[in-house]
């Protein structure tokens, strides 16, 4: 099992904002969400772990003051009560609607 620290900053935020100001639409936080690092007086050191891409995307959205966050997926459904006997697919959702917190599968 690998640690999954909560993202607290995105090192490339300034570059992403510059791209937006210049009229580009950056697509960011794909893959595993990023490589976790520790920033200290000696510089930047990578650490073992993987950053959750959805949490990273949400953090970036806040940092750049995005009006909209779109998360694309190729899974058949997002499930309510994922992994429980009451699991059922969410076939229709609206912004701010029933997805709420943890939108599985993970």
PDB file of N, CA and C in Angstrom:
ATOM      1  N   UNK A   1       0.843  -1.171   0.000  1.00  0.00           N
ATOM      2  CA  UNK A   1       0.000   0.000   0.000  1.00  0.00           C
ATOM      3  C   UNK A   1       0.894   1.241   0.000  1.00  0.00           C
ATOM      4  N   UNK A   2       0.470   2.258  -0.725  1.00  0.00           N
ATOM      5  CA  UNK A   2       1.247   3.481  -0.872  1.00  0.00           C
ATOM      6  C   UNK A   2       0.510   4.631  -0.191  1.00  0.00           C
ATOM      7  N   UNK A   3       1.271   5.498   0.459  1.00  0.00           N
ATOM      8  CA  UNK A   3       0.676   6.666   1.110  1.00  0.00           C
ATOM      9  C   UNK A   3       0.019   7.579   0.076  1.00  0.00           C
ATOM     10  N   UNK A   4      -1.055   8.240   0.478  1.00  0.00           N
ATOM     11  CA  UNK A   4      -1.742   9.191  -0.394  1.00  0.00           C
ATOM     12  C   UNK A   4      -1.955  10.498   0.371  1.00  0.00           C
ATOM     13  N   UNK A   5      -0.894  11.314   0.445  1.00  0.00           N
ATOM     14  CA  UNK A   5      -1.025  12.568   1.199  1.00  0.00           C
ATOM     15  C   UNK A   5      -1.979  13.539   0.524  1.00  0.00           C
ATOM     16  N   UNK A   6      -2.629  14.358   1.337  1.00  0.00           N
ATOM     17  CA  UNK A   6      -3.547  15.382   0.821  1.00  0.00           C
ATOM     18  C   UNK A   6      -2.726  16.482   0.155  1.00  0.00           C
ATOM     19  N   UNK A   7      -3.088  16.889  -1.069  1.00  0.00           N
ATOM     20  CA  UNK A   7      -2.331  17.968  -1.708  1.00  0.00           C
ATOM     21  C   UNK A   7      -2.576  19.294  -0.988  1.00  0.00           C
ATOM     22  N   UNK A   8      -1.505  20.060  -0.759  1.00  0.00           N
ATOM     23  CA  UNK A   8      -1.645  21.355  -0.087  1.00  0.00           C
ATOM     24  C   UNK A   8      -1.212  22.511  -0.975  1.00  0.00           C
ATOM     25  N   UNK A   9      -0.510  22.227  -2.069  1.00  0.00           N
ATOM     26  CA  UNK A   9      -0.087  23.268  -2.992  1.00  0.00           C
ATOM     27  C   UNK A   9       0.253  22.607  -4.316  1.00  0.00           C
ATOM     28  N   UNK A  10       0.278  23.392  -5.366  1.00  0.00           N
ATOM     29  CA  UNK A  10       0.663  22.900  -6.682  1.00  0.00           C
ATOM     30  C   UNK A  10       1.780  23.803  -7.177  1.00  0.00           C
ATOM     31  N   UNK A  11       2.948  23.227  -7.377  1.00  0.00           N
ATOM     32  CA  UNK A  11       4.133  24.012  -7.707  1.00  0.00           C
ATOM     33  C   UNK A  11       3.984  24.788  -9.014  1.00  0.00           C
ATOM     34  N   UNK A  12       3.212  24.287  -9.950  1.00  0.00           N
ATOM     35  CA  UNK A  12       3.093  24.901 -11.271  1.00  0.00           C
ATOM     36  C   UNK A  12       1.938  25.898 -11.382  1.00  0.00           C
ATOM     37  N   UNK A  13       1.323  26.294 -10.272  1.00  0.00           N
ATOM     38  CA  UNK A  13       0.153  27.175 -10.325  1.00  0.00           C
ATOM     39  C   UNK A  13       0.435  28.468 -11.086  1.00  0.00           C
ATOM     40  N   UNK A  14       1.560  29.101 -10.835  1.00  0.00           N
ATOM     41  CA  UNK A  14       1.881  30.369 -11.521  1.00  0.00           C
ATOM     42  C   UNK A  14       1.967  30.173 -13.029  1.00  0.00           C
ATOM     43  N   UNK A  15       2.604  29.085 -13.459  1.00  0.00           N
ATOM     44  CA  UNK A  15       2.723  28.806 -14.894  1.00  0.00           C
ATOM     45  C   UNK A  15       1.346  28.552 -15.503  1.00  0.00           C
ATOM     46  N   UNK A  16       0.492  27.841 -14.785  1.00  0.00           N
ATOM     47  CA  UNK A  16      -0.856  27.555 -15.283  1.00  0.00           C
ATOM     48  C   UNK A  16      -1.657  28.849 -15.404  1.00  0.00           C
ATOM     49  N   UNK A  17      -1.553  29.729 -14.423  1.00  0.00           N
ATOM     50  CA  UNK A  17      -2.247  31.018 -14.480  1.00  0.00           C
ATOM     51  C   UNK A  17      -1.729  31.840 -15.662  1.00  0.00           C
ATOM     52  N   UNK A  18      -0.422  31.827 -15.893  1.00  0.00           N
ATOM     53  CA  UNK A  18       0.148  32.557 -17.036  1.00  0.00           C
ATOM     54  C   UNK A  18      -0.425  32.044 -18.353  1.00  0.00           C
ATOM     55  N   UNK A  19      -0.561  30.723 -18.483  1.00  0.00           N
ATOM     56  CA  UNK A  19      -1.152  30.151 -19.692  1.00  0.00           C
ATOM     57  C   UNK A  19      -2.592  30.618 -19.880  1.00  0.00           C
ATOM     58  N   UNK A  20      -3.352  30.653 -18.798  1.00  0.00           N
ATOM     59  CA  UNK A  20      -4.749  31.099 -18.870  1.00  0.00           C
ATOM     60  C   UNK A  20      -4.812  32.561 -19.307  1.00  0.00           C
ATOM     61  N   UNK A  21      -3.981  33.402 -18.711  1.00  0.00           N
ATOM     62  CA  UNK A  21      -3.942  34.825 -19.065  1.00  0.00           C
ATOM     63  C   UNK A  21      -3.597  35.008 -20.538  1.00  0.00           C
ATOM     64  N   UNK A  22      -2.728  34.137 -21.071  1.00  0.00           N
ATOM     65  CA  UNK A  22      -2.326  34.217 -22.479  1.00  0.00           C
ATOM     66  C   UNK A  22      -3.343  33.584 -23.425  1.00  0.00           C
ATOM     67  N   UNK A  23      -4.484  33.120 -22.891  1.00  0.00           N
ATOM     68  CA  UNK A  23      -5.555  32.610 -23.740  1.00  0.00           C
ATOM     69  C   UNK A  23      -5.553  31.118 -23.966  1.00  0.00           C
ATOM     70  N   UNK A  24      -4.705  30.390 -23.275  1.00  0.00           N
ATOM     71  CA  UNK A  24      -4.673  28.936 -23.413  1.00  0.00           C
ATOM     72  C   UNK A  24      -5.617  28.291 -22.407  1.00  0.00           C
ATOM     73  N   UNK A  25      -6.046  27.081 -22.700  1.00  0.00           N
ATOM     74  CA  UNK A  25      -6.870  26.297 -21.781  1.00  0.00           C
ATOM     75  C   UNK A  25      -6.055  25.091 -21.338  1.00  0.00           C
ATOM     76  N   UNK A  26      -5.329  25.214 -20.215  1.00  0.00           N
ATOM     77  CA  UNK A  26      -4.505  24.087 -19.776  1.00  0.00           C
ATOM     78  C   UNK A  26      -5.350  22.925 -19.272  1.00  0.00           C
ATOM     79  N   UNK A  27      -4.926  21.721 -19.616  1.00  0.00           N
ATOM     80  CA  UNK A  27      -5.519  20.504 -19.078  1.00  0.00           C
ATOM     81  C   UNK A  27      -4.517  19.992 -18.055  1.00  0.00           C
ATOM     82  N   UNK A  28      -4.908  19.905 -16.806  1.00  0.00           N
ATOM     83  CA  UNK A  28      -3.933  19.638 -15.744  1.00  0.00           C
ATOM     84  C   UNK A  28      -4.400  18.522 -14.825  1.00  0.00           C
ATOM     85  N   UNK A  29      -3.466  18.013 -14.028  1.00  0.00           N
ATOM     86  CA  UNK A  29      -3.719  17.054 -12.949  1.00  0.00           C
ATOM     87  C   UNK A  29      -4.176  15.697 -13.452  1.00  0.00           C
ATOM     88  N   UNK A  30      -3.730  15.296 -14.595  1.00  0.00           N
ATOM     89  CA  UNK A  30      -4.065  13.974 -15.095  1.00  0.00           C
ATOM     90  C   UNK A  30      -3.197  12.900 -14.471  1.00  0.00           C
ATOM     91  N   UNK A  31      -3.327  11.700 -14.953  1.00  0.00           N
ATOM     92  CA  UNK A  31      -2.503  10.603 -14.446  1.00  0.00           C
ATOM     93  C   UNK A  31      -2.776  10.328 -12.990  1.00  0.00           C
ATOM     94  N   UNK A  32      -1.725  10.207 -12.223  1.00  0.00           N
ATOM     95  CA  UNK A  32      -1.875   9.885 -10.796  1.00  0.00           C
ATOM     96  C   UNK A  32      -2.064  11.130  -9.936  1.00  0.00           C
ATOM     97  N   UNK A  33      -2.120  12.308 -10.538  1.00  0.00           N
ATOM     98  CA  UNK A  33      -2.376  13.518  -9.773  1.00  0.00           C
ATOM     99  C   UNK A  33      -1.124  14.271  -9.378  1.00  0.00           C
ATOM    100  N   UNK A  34       0.010  13.666  -9.462  1.00  0.00           N
ATOM    101  CA  UNK A  34       1.245  14.376  -9.153  1.00  0.00           C
ATOM    102  C   UNK A  34       2.168  13.580  -8.261  1.00  0.00           C
ATOM    103  N   UNK A  35       3.383  14.052  -8.187  1.00  0.00           N
ATOM    104  CA  UNK A  35       4.392  13.427  -7.339  1.00  0.00           C
ATOM    105  C   UNK A  35       4.474  14.215  -6.043  1.00  0.00           C
ATOM    106  N   UNK A  36       4.220  13.592  -4.908  1.00  0.00           N
ATOM    107  CA  UNK A  36       4.313  14.336  -3.647  1.00  0.00           C
ATOM    108  C   UNK A  36       5.762  14.708  -3.335  1.00  0.00           C
ATOM    109  N   UNK A  37       5.939  15.923  -2.874  1.00  0.00           N
ATOM    110  CA  UNK A  37       7.262  16.408  -2.494  1.00  0.00           C
ATOM    111  C   UNK A  37       7.174  17.111  -1.145  1.00  0.00           C
ATOM    112  N   UNK A  38       8.334  17.232  -0.522  1.00  0.00           N
ATOM    113  CA  UNK A  38       8.460  18.010   0.706  1.00  0.00           C
ATOM    114  C   UNK A  38       9.373  19.178   0.380  1.00  0.00           C
ATOM    115  N   UNK A  39       8.921  20.387   0.698  1.00  0.00           N
ATOM    116  CA  UNK A  39       9.729  21.584   0.492  1.00  0.00           C
ATOM    117  C   UNK A  39      10.296  21.999   1.844  1.00  0.00           C
ATOM    118  N   UNK A  40      11.627  22.076   1.936  1.00  0.00           N
ATOM    119  CA  UNK A  40      12.263  22.506   3.184  1.00  0.00           C
ATOM    120  C   UNK A  40      13.428  23.437   2.857  1.00  0.00           C
ATOM    121  N   UNK A  41      14.244  23.742   3.833  1.00  0.00           N
ATOM    122  CA  UNK A  41      15.340  24.696   3.649  1.00  0.00           C
ATOM    123  C   UNK A  41      16.392  24.221   2.645  1.00  0.00           C
ATOM    124  N   UNK A  42      16.438  22.914   2.381  1.00  0.00           N
ATOM    125  CA  UNK A  42      17.420  22.391   1.432  1.00  0.00           C
ATOM    126  C   UNK A  42      16.877  22.301   0.013  1.00  0.00           C
ATOM    127  N   UNK A  43      15.584  22.523  -0.168  1.00  0.00           N
ATOM    128  CA  UNK A  43      14.992  22.456  -1.503  1.00  0.00           C
ATOM    129  C   UNK A  43      13.752  21.588  -1.521  1.00  0.00           C
ATOM    130  N   UNK A  44      13.601  20.873  -2.619  1.00  0.00           N
ATOM    131  CA  UNK A  44      12.418  20.036  -2.833  1.00  0.00           C
ATOM    132  C   UNK A  44      12.867  18.590  -2.946  1.00  0.00           C
ATOM    133  N   UNK A  45      12.227  17.720  -2.160  1.00  0.00           N
ATOM    134  CA  UNK A  45      12.576  16.300  -2.140  1.00  0.00           C
ATOM    135  C   UNK A  45      11.329  15.475  -2.430  1.00  0.00           C
ATOM    136  N   UNK A  46      11.369  14.584  -3.438  1.00  0.00           N
ATOM    137  CA  UNK A  46      10.220  13.713  -3.679  1.00  0.00           C
ATOM    138  C   UNK A  46      10.070  12.696  -2.549  1.00  0.00           C
ATOM    139  N   UNK A  47       8.834  12.304  -2.279  1.00  0.00           N
ATOM    140  CA  UNK A  47       8.555  11.293  -1.268  1.00  0.00           C
ATOM    141  C   UNK A  47       7.720  10.177  -1.887  1.00  0.00           C
ATOM    142  N   UNK A  48       7.787   8.982  -1.306  1.00  0.00           N
ATOM    143  CA  UNK A  48       6.982   7.867  -1.794  1.00  0.00           C
ATOM    144  C   UNK A  48       5.513   8.150  -1.541  1.00  0.00           C
ATOM    145  N   UNK A  49       4.709   7.928  -2.532  1.00  0.00           N
ATOM    146  CA  UNK A  49       3.279   8.131  -2.393  1.00  0.00           C
ATOM    147  C   UNK A  49       2.672   8.518  -3.722  1.00  0.00           C
ATOM    148  N   UNK A  50       1.392   8.714  -3.716  1.00  0.00           N
ATOM    149  CA  UNK A  50       0.668   9.155  -4.900  1.00  0.00           C
ATOM    150  C   UNK A  50      -0.412  10.132  -4.448  1.00  0.00           C
ATOM    151  N   UNK A  51      -0.552  11.209  -5.186  1.00  0.00           N
ATOM    152  CA  UNK A  51      -1.540  12.235  -4.857  1.00  0.00           C
ATOM    153  C   UNK A  51      -2.826  11.923  -5.620  1.00  0.00           C
ATOM    154  N   UNK A  52      -3.951  11.964  -4.950  1.00  0.00           N
ATOM    155  CA  UNK A  52      -5.249  11.716  -5.579  1.00  0.00           C
ATOM    156  C   UNK A  52      -5.524  12.802  -6.620  1.00  0.00           C
ATOM    157  N   UNK A  53      -5.794  12.382  -7.858  1.00  0.00           N
ATOM    158  CA  UNK A  53      -5.967  13.352  -8.938  1.00  0.00           C
ATOM    159  C   UNK A  53      -7.228  14.198  -8.786  1.00  0.00           C
ATOM    160  N   UNK A  54      -8.287  13.659  -8.212  1.00  0.00           N
ATOM    161  CA  UNK A  54      -9.496  14.466  -8.013  1.00  0.00           C
ATOM    162  C   UNK A  54      -9.261  15.554  -6.975  1.00  0.00           C
ATOM    163  N   UNK A  55      -8.568  15.202  -5.884  1.00  0.00           N
ATOM    164  CA  UNK A  55      -8.261  16.202  -4.855  1.00  0.00           C
ATOM    165  C   UNK A  55      -7.310  17.256  -5.404  1.00  0.00           C
ATOM    166  N   UNK A  56      -6.355  16.832  -6.236  1.00  0.00           N
ATOM    167  CA  UNK A  56      -5.423  17.779  -6.849  1.00  0.00           C
ATOM    168  C   UNK A  56      -6.164  18.715  -7.800  1.00  0.00           C
ATOM    169  N   UNK A  57      -7.076  18.172  -8.576  1.00  0.00           N
ATOM    170  CA  UNK A  57      -7.857  18.990  -9.497  1.00  0.00           C
ATOM    171  C   UNK A  57      -8.699  20.013  -8.744  1.00  0.00           C
ATOM    172  N   UNK A  58      -9.320  19.591  -7.655  1.00  0.00           N
ATOM    173  CA  UNK A  58     -10.127  20.513  -6.850  1.00  0.00           C
ATOM    174  C   UNK A  58      -9.256  21.613  -6.253  1.00  0.00           C
ATOM    175  N   UNK A  59      -8.076  21.261  -5.752  1.00  0.00           N
ATOM    176  CA  UNK A  59      -7.162  22.259  -5.205  1.00  0.00           C
ATOM    177  C   UNK A  59      -6.754  23.246  -6.290  1.00  0.00           C
ATOM    178  N   UNK A  60      -6.392  22.748  -7.474  1.00  0.00           N
ATOM    179  CA  UNK A  60      -6.004  23.643  -8.563  1.00  0.00           C
ATOM    180  C   UNK A  60      -7.157  24.565  -8.943  1.00  0.00           C
ATOM    181  N   UNK A  61      -8.364  24.012  -8.998  1.00  0.00           N
ATOM    182  CA  UNK A  61      -9.525  24.852  -9.294  1.00  0.00           C
ATOM    183  C   UNK A  61      -9.661  26.006  -8.319  1.00  0.00           C
ATOM    184  N   UNK A  62      -9.443  25.727  -7.047  1.00  0.00           N
ATOM    185  CA  UNK A  62      -9.489  26.793  -6.036  1.00  0.00           C
ATOM    186  C   UNK A  62      -8.343  27.779  -6.216  1.00  0.00           C
ATOM    187  N   UNK A  63      -7.141  27.289  -6.477  1.00  0.00           N
ATOM    188  CA  UNK A  63      -5.973  28.162  -6.605  1.00  0.00           C
ATOM    189  C   UNK A  63      -6.080  29.119  -7.789  1.00  0.00           C
ATOM    190  N   UNK A  64      -6.695  28.667  -8.887  1.00  0.00           N
ATOM    191  CA  UNK A  64      -6.823  29.531 -10.061  1.00  0.00           C
ATOM    192  C   UNK A  64      -8.192  30.211 -10.128  1.00  0.00           C
ATOM    193  N   UNK A  65      -8.997  30.004  -9.084  1.00  0.00           N
ATOM    194  CA  UNK A  65     -10.337  30.597  -9.002  1.00  0.00           C
ATOM    195  C   UNK A  65     -11.191  30.227 -10.213  1.00  0.00           C
ATOM    196  N   UNK A  66     -11.170  28.947 -10.547  1.00  0.00           N
ATOM    197  CA  UNK A  66     -11.935  28.446 -11.691  1.00  0.00           C
ATOM    198  C   UNK A  66     -13.433  28.572 -11.433  1.00  0.00           C
ATOM    199  N   UNK A  67     -14.171  28.835 -12.479  1.00  0.00           N
ATOM    200  CA  UNK A  67     -15.629  28.888 -12.379  1.00  0.00           C
ATOM    201  C   UNK A  67     -16.249  27.506 -12.485  1.00  0.00           C
ATOM    202  N   UNK A  68     -15.499  26.570 -13.057  1.00  0.00           N
ATOM    203  CA  UNK A  68     -16.054  25.241 -13.298  1.00  0.00           C
ATOM    204  C   UNK A  68     -14.940  24.205 -13.211  1.00  0.00           C
ATOM    205  N   UNK A  69     -15.257  23.057 -12.657  1.00  0.00           N
ATOM    206  CA  UNK A  69     -14.332  21.919 -12.613  1.00  0.00           C
ATOM    207  C   UNK A  69     -15.028  20.747 -13.298  1.00  0.00           C
ATOM    208  N   UNK A  70     -14.383  20.205 -14.317  1.00  0.00           N
ATOM    209  CA  UNK A  70     -14.938  19.071 -15.049  1.00  0.00           C
ATOM    210  C   UNK A  70     -14.011  17.885 -14.845  1.00  0.00           C
ATOM    211  N   UNK A  71     -14.552  16.795 -14.339  1.00  0.00           N
ATOM    212  CA  UNK A  71     -13.782  15.573 -14.158  1.00  0.00           C
ATOM    213  C   UNK A  71     -14.352  14.533 -15.109  1.00  0.00           C
ATOM    214  N   UNK A  72     -13.528  14.109 -16.053  1.00  0.00           N
ATOM    215  CA  UNK A  72     -13.955  13.110 -17.031  1.00  0.00           C
ATOM    216  C   UNK A  72     -13.508  11.738 -16.578  1.00  0.00           C
ATOM    217  N   UNK A  73     -14.291  10.729 -16.911  1.00  0.00           N
ATOM    218  CA  UNK A  73     -13.964   9.364 -16.531  1.00  0.00           C
ATOM    219  C   UNK A  73     -14.446   8.417 -17.618  1.00  0.00           C
ATOM    220  N   UNK A  74     -13.850   7.249 -17.674  1.00  0.00           N
ATOM    221  CA  UNK A  74     -14.309   6.264 -18.644  1.00  0.00           C
ATOM    222  C   UNK A  74     -14.930   5.043 -17.967  1.00  0.00           C
ATOM    223  N   UNK A  75     -15.288   5.188 -16.685  1.00  0.00           N
ATOM    224  CA  UNK A  75     -15.981   4.089 -16.009  1.00  0.00           C
ATOM    225  C   UNK A  75     -17.453   4.112 -16.397  1.00  0.00           C
ATOM    226  N   UNK A  76     -18.095   2.976 -16.306  1.00  0.00           N
ATOM    227  CA  UNK A  76     -19.484   2.895 -16.734  1.00  0.00           C
ATOM    228  C   UNK A  76     -20.412   3.750 -15.869  1.00  0.00           C
ATOM    229  N   UNK A  77     -20.206   3.737 -14.549  1.00  0.00           N
ATOM    230  CA  UNK A  77     -21.050   4.496 -13.635  1.00  0.00           C
ATOM    231  C   UNK A  77     -20.242   5.006 -12.451  1.00  0.00           C
ATOM    232  N   UNK A  78     -20.749   6.047 -11.830  1.00  0.00           N
ATOM    233  CA  UNK A  78     -20.352   6.446 -10.490  1.00  0.00           C
ATOM    234  C   UNK A  78     -21.430   5.832  -9.601  1.00  0.00           C
ATOM    235  N   UNK A  79     -21.011   5.298  -8.455  1.00  0.00           N
ATOM    236  CA  UNK A  79     -21.958   4.557  -7.626  1.00  0.00           C
ATOM    237  C   UNK A  79     -22.240   5.249  -6.296  1.00  0.00           C
ATOM    238  N   UNK A  80     -23.486   5.177  -5.893  1.00  0.00           N
ATOM    239  CA  UNK A  80     -23.877   5.555  -4.534  1.00  0.00           C
ATOM    240  C   UNK A  80     -23.599   4.345  -3.655  1.00  0.00           C
ATOM    241  N   UNK A  81     -23.029   4.559  -2.478  1.00  0.00           N
ATOM    242  CA  UNK A  81     -22.724   3.476  -1.530  1.00  0.00           C
ATOM    243  C   UNK A  81     -21.770   2.449  -2.133  1.00  0.00           C
ATOM    244  N   UNK A  82     -20.762   2.919  -2.834  1.00  0.00           N
ATOM    245  CA  UNK A  82     -19.809   2.037  -3.510  1.00  0.00           C
ATOM    246  C   UNK A  82     -19.203   1.018  -2.540  1.00  0.00           C
ATOM    247  N   UNK A  83     -19.212  -0.245  -2.952  1.00  0.00           N
ATOM    248  CA  UNK A  83     -18.616  -1.320  -2.169  1.00  0.00           C
ATOM    249  C   UNK A  83     -19.482  -1.848  -1.049  1.00  0.00           C
ATOM    250  N   UNK A  84     -20.686  -1.353  -0.947  1.00  0.00           N
ATOM    251  CA  UNK A  84     -21.616  -1.829   0.094  1.00  0.00           C
ATOM    252  C   UNK A  84     -22.745  -2.617  -0.568  1.00  0.00           C
ATOM    253  N   UNK A  85     -23.465  -3.407   0.200  1.00  0.00           N
ATOM    254  CA  UNK A  85     -24.578  -4.168  -0.389  1.00  0.00           C
ATOM    255  C   UNK A  85     -25.636  -3.264  -1.038  1.00  0.00           C
ATOM    256  N   UNK A  86     -25.741  -2.025  -0.571  1.00  0.00           N
ATOM    257  CA  UNK A  86     -26.742  -1.097  -1.111  1.00  0.00           C
ATOM    258  C   UNK A  86     -26.231  -0.333  -2.335  1.00  0.00           C
ATOM    259  N   UNK A  87     -25.055  -0.705  -2.856  1.00  0.00           N
ATOM    260  CA  UNK A  87     -24.459  -0.016  -4.007  1.00  0.00           C
ATOM    261  C   UNK A  87     -25.432   0.023  -5.174  1.00  0.00           C
ATOM    262  N   UNK A  88     -25.534   1.201  -5.801  1.00  0.00           N
ATOM    263  CA  UNK A  88     -26.339   1.334  -7.008  1.00  0.00           C
ATOM    264  C   UNK A  88     -25.765   2.443  -7.876  1.00  0.00           C
ATOM    265  N   UNK A  89     -25.874   2.287  -9.199  1.00  0.00           N
ATOM    266  CA  UNK A  89     -25.317   3.309 -10.079  1.00  0.00           C
ATOM    267  C   UNK A  89     -26.134   4.603 -10.013  1.00  0.00           C
ATOM    268  N   UNK A  90     -25.433   5.723 -10.107  1.00  0.00           N
ATOM    269  CA  UNK A  90     -26.113   7.019 -10.227  1.00  0.00           C
ATOM    270  C   UNK A  90     -26.243   7.266 -11.720  1.00  0.00           C
ATOM    271  N   UNK A  91     -27.438   7.212 -12.217  1.00  0.00           N
ATOM    272  CA  UNK A  91     -27.673   7.304 -13.658  1.00  0.00           C
ATOM    273  C   UNK A  91     -27.856   8.733 -14.129  1.00  0.00           C
ATOM    274  N   UNK A  92     -28.136   9.636 -13.198  1.00  0.00           N
ATOM    275  CA  UNK A  92     -28.344  11.031 -13.566  1.00  0.00           C
ATOM    276  C   UNK A  92     -27.985  11.903 -12.374  1.00  0.00           C
ATOM    277  N   UNK A  93     -27.246  12.971 -12.616  1.00  0.00           N
ATOM    278  CA  UNK A  93     -26.853  13.882 -11.541  1.00  0.00           C
ATOM    279  C   UNK A  93     -26.826  15.300 -12.087  1.00  0.00           C
ATOM    280  N   UNK A  94     -26.911  16.261 -11.189  1.00  0.00           N
ATOM    281  CA  UNK A  94     -26.825  17.667 -11.581  1.00  0.00           C
ATOM    282  C   UNK A  94     -25.788  18.363 -10.713  1.00  0.00           C
ATOM    283  N   UNK A  95     -25.343  19.522 -11.153  1.00  0.00           N
ATOM    284  CA  UNK A  95     -24.332  20.277 -10.403  1.00  0.00           C
ATOM    285  C   UNK A  95     -24.827  20.531  -8.991  1.00  0.00           C
ATOM    286  N   UNK A  96     -23.953  20.239  -8.015  1.00  0.00           N
ATOM    287  CA  UNK A  96     -24.315  20.435  -6.617  1.00  0.00           C
ATOM    288  C   UNK A  96     -25.334  19.428  -6.129  1.00  0.00           C
ATOM    289  N   UNK A  97     -25.572  18.413  -6.924  1.00  0.00           N
ATOM    290  CA  UNK A  97     -26.603  17.438  -6.584  1.00  0.00           C
ATOM    291  C   UNK A  97     -26.111  16.294  -5.749  1.00  0.00           C
ATOM    292  N   UNK A  98     -26.544  15.097  -6.089  1.00  0.00           N
ATOM    293  CA  UNK A  98     -26.407  13.947  -5.214  1.00  0.00           C
ATOM    294  C   UNK A  98     -25.010  13.353  -5.101  1.00  0.00           C
ATOM    295  N   UNK A  99     -24.062  13.755  -5.915  1.00  0.00           N
ATOM    296  CA  UNK A  99     -22.738  13.139  -5.800  1.00  0.00           C
ATOM    297  C   UNK A  99     -22.050  13.490  -4.498  1.00  0.00           C
ATOM    298  N   UNK A 100     -22.240  14.709  -4.032  1.00  0.00           N
ATOM    299  CA  UNK A 100     -21.729  15.100  -2.730  1.00  0.00           C
ATOM    300  C   UNK A 100     -20.264  14.802  -2.529  1.00  0.00           C
ATOM    301  N   UNK A 101     -19.942  13.960  -1.559  1.00  0.00           N
ATOM    302  CA  UNK A 101     -18.560  13.725  -1.152  1.00  0.00           C
ATOM    303  C   UNK A 101     -17.800  12.771  -2.020  1.00  0.00           C
ATOM    304  N   UNK A 102     -17.659  11.533  -1.610  1.00  0.00           N
ATOM    305  CA  UNK A 102     -16.797  10.566  -2.263  1.00  0.00           C
ATOM    306  C   UNK A 102     -17.487   9.939  -3.460  1.00  0.00           C
ATOM    307  N   UNK A 103     -17.082  10.346  -4.654  1.00  0.00           N
ATOM    308  CA  UNK A 103     -17.671   9.797  -5.884  1.00  0.00           C
ATOM    309  C   UNK A 103     -16.810   8.621  -6.343  1.00  0.00           C
ATOM    310  N   UNK A 104     -17.183   7.422  -5.945  1.00  0.00           N
ATOM    311  CA  UNK A 104     -16.441   6.216  -6.277  1.00  0.00           C
ATOM    312  C   UNK A 104     -16.756   5.807  -7.709  1.00  0.00           C
ATOM    313  N   UNK A 105     -16.127   4.908  -8.377  1.00  0.00           N
ATOM    314  CA  UNK A 105     -15.155   3.994  -7.803  1.00  0.00           C
ATOM    315  C   UNK A 105     -13.782   4.618  -7.620  1.00  0.00           C
ATOM    316  N   UNK A 106     -13.040   4.024  -6.760  1.00  0.00           N
ATOM    317  CA  UNK A 106     -11.664   4.462  -6.463  1.00  0.00           C
ATOM    318  C   UNK A 106     -10.744   3.336  -6.850  1.00  0.00           C
TER     319      UNK A 106
END
